[in-house]
């Protein structure tokens, strides 16, 4: 059974910006503290790979509860990372806040456009 944190992070594959990440090779580790999940996110040449372990080449490793993971994925990564770090709910084991921000900058922002399923 997949846990919510890994499912949310895996959904980022649909928002990766292929133009920005065409020549990118970067990795991030995430430890979801309240579900005890470990997730690796690796961007290689415009493709996001999600693993169940922290990549050896991770530029940053963050620890956060699934509520903050949801904020990173669904609302605003930079704002959530900064707020979580400031409040102490999110910690950075290795790397820096700037490196975590740089990783999440590889993804398109959440669209504010409403989805219309029927045209009437």
Protein backbone atom coordinates (compact mmCIF):
# COMPACT_ATOMS: atom_id res chain seq x y z
CA UNK A 1 0.00 0.00 0.00
CA UNK A 2 1.33 3.43 -0.94
CA UNK A 3 1.39 6.14 1.67
CA UNK A 4 0.13 9.65 1.05
CA UNK A 5 3.54 11.33 1.17
CA UNK A 6 5.03 9.18 -1.58
CA UNK A 7 1.88 9.44 -3.71
CA UNK A 8 1.96 13.24 -3.48
CA UNK A 9 5.64 13.40 -4.36
CA UNK A 10 5.19 10.96 -7.22
CA UNK A 11 2.53 13.24 -8.69
CA UNK A 12 5.26 15.81 -9.36
CA UNK A 13 6.26 13.79 -12.45
CA UNK A 14 3.32 15.38 -14.26
CA UNK A 15 4.54 18.90 -13.49
CA UNK A 16 8.21 18.63 -14.37
CA UNK A 17 9.33 21.36 -16.75
CA UNK A 18 11.17 19.52 -19.55
CA UNK A 19 12.73 22.70 -20.93
CA UNK A 20 14.23 23.74 -17.59
CA UNK A 21 15.45 20.24 -16.77
CA UNK A 22 16.70 19.08 -20.16
CA UNK A 23 20.33 19.12 -18.99
CA UNK A 24 19.65 18.63 -15.28
CA UNK A 25 20.88 15.86 -13.02
CA UNK A 26 19.79 16.56 -9.43
CA UNK A 27 18.41 14.51 -6.54
CA UNK A 28 16.56 15.18 -3.30
CA UNK A 29 15.70 12.93 -0.37
CA UNK A 30 12.49 13.23 1.64
CA UNK A 31 11.69 11.60 4.96
CA UNK A 32 7.98 11.89 5.73
CA UNK A 33 8.09 12.03 9.51
CA UNK A 34 4.55 11.07 10.44
CA UNK A 35 4.26 8.07 8.10
CA UNK A 36 7.90 6.92 8.35
CA UNK A 37 8.26 7.03 4.55
CA UNK A 38 11.52 7.56 2.73
CA UNK A 39 11.32 8.91 -0.80
CA UNK A 40 14.04 9.70 -3.29
CA UNK A 41 13.42 12.13 -6.13
CA UNK A 42 15.88 12.13 -9.01
CA UNK A 43 15.66 14.41 -12.03
CA UNK A 44 17.70 13.28 -15.01
CA UNK A 45 17.36 15.01 -18.37
CA UNK A 46 13.75 16.08 -17.93
CA UNK A 47 12.46 12.89 -16.28
CA UNK A 48 11.55 12.48 -12.60
CA UNK A 49 12.35 9.12 -11.04
CA UNK A 50 10.80 8.33 -7.65
CA UNK A 51 12.48 5.75 -5.43
CA UNK A 52 11.92 4.36 -1.95
CA UNK A 53 15.37 5.32 -0.69
CA UNK A 54 17.45 8.47 -0.34
CA UNK A 55 19.68 8.85 -3.41
CA UNK A 56 23.41 8.80 -2.62
CA UNK A 57 23.79 11.91 -4.77
CA UNK A 58 21.01 13.88 -3.01
CA UNK A 59 21.90 17.57 -2.78
CA UNK A 60 19.47 17.94 0.13
CA UNK A 61 17.46 15.70 2.45
CA UNK A 62 14.38 17.14 4.11
CA UNK A 63 12.28 15.80 7.00
CA UNK A 64 8.64 16.90 7.10
CA UNK A 65 5.15 15.62 7.98
CA UNK A 66 2.77 14.75 5.16
CA UNK A 67 0.81 17.98 5.68
CA UNK A 68 3.89 19.99 4.69
CA UNK A 69 4.60 17.61 1.81
CA UNK A 70 1.07 18.36 0.57
CA UNK A 71 1.81 22.08 0.82
CA UNK A 72 5.04 21.68 -1.14
CA UNK A 73 3.33 19.72 -3.91
CA UNK A 74 -0.12 21.28 -4.02
CA UNK A 75 0.29 24.89 -2.92
CA UNK A 76 3.70 26.58 -3.11
CA UNK A 77 7.00 24.76 -2.60
CA UNK A 78 9.13 27.80 -1.72
CA UNK A 79 6.59 29.24 0.70
CA UNK A 80 5.97 25.88 2.39
CA UNK A 81 9.67 25.06 2.67
CA UNK A 82 10.43 28.47 4.19
CA UNK A 83 7.46 28.40 6.57
CA UNK A 84 8.14 24.84 7.65
CA UNK A 85 11.80 25.58 8.29
CA UNK A 86 10.96 28.72 10.24
CA UNK A 87 8.39 26.91 12.42
CA UNK A 88 10.64 23.90 12.96
CA UNK A 89 8.13 21.48 11.42
CA UNK A 90 10.50 20.89 8.50
CA UNK A 91 14.18 20.20 8.97
CA UNK A 92 16.98 19.87 6.47
CA UNK A 93 19.32 16.98 7.29
CA UNK A 94 21.82 17.68 4.55
CA UNK A 95 22.06 20.51 2.08
CA UNK A 96 20.41 23.91 2.39
CA UNK A 97 17.04 25.56 1.96
CA UNK A 98 18.37 27.12 -1.27
CA UNK A 99 19.25 23.66 -2.63
CA UNK A 100 15.78 22.31 -1.76
CA UNK A 101 14.20 25.36 -3.44
CA UNK A 102 16.37 24.83 -6.52
CA UNK A 103 15.13 21.26 -6.79
CA UNK A 104 11.45 22.22 -6.60
CA UNK A 105 12.02 25.07 -9.09
CA UNK A 106 12.28 22.32 -11.73
CA UNK A 107 8.51 21.88 -11.61
CA UNK A 108 5.76 23.99 -13.12
CA UNK A 109 3.73 25.86 -10.49
CA UNK A 110 0.27 24.61 -9.66
CA UNK A 111 -2.24 25.93 -12.13
CA UNK A 112 -4.88 28.31 -10.82
CA UNK A 113 -7.04 27.60 -13.87
CA UNK A 114 -10.24 25.73 -13.15
CA UNK A 115 -10.76 22.46 -14.94
CA UNK A 116 -13.92 22.37 -17.04
CA UNK A 117 -15.13 18.85 -17.70
CA UNK A 118 -18.14 19.78 -19.81
CA UNK A 119 -18.81 22.65 -22.15
CA UNK A 120 -22.39 23.82 -21.83
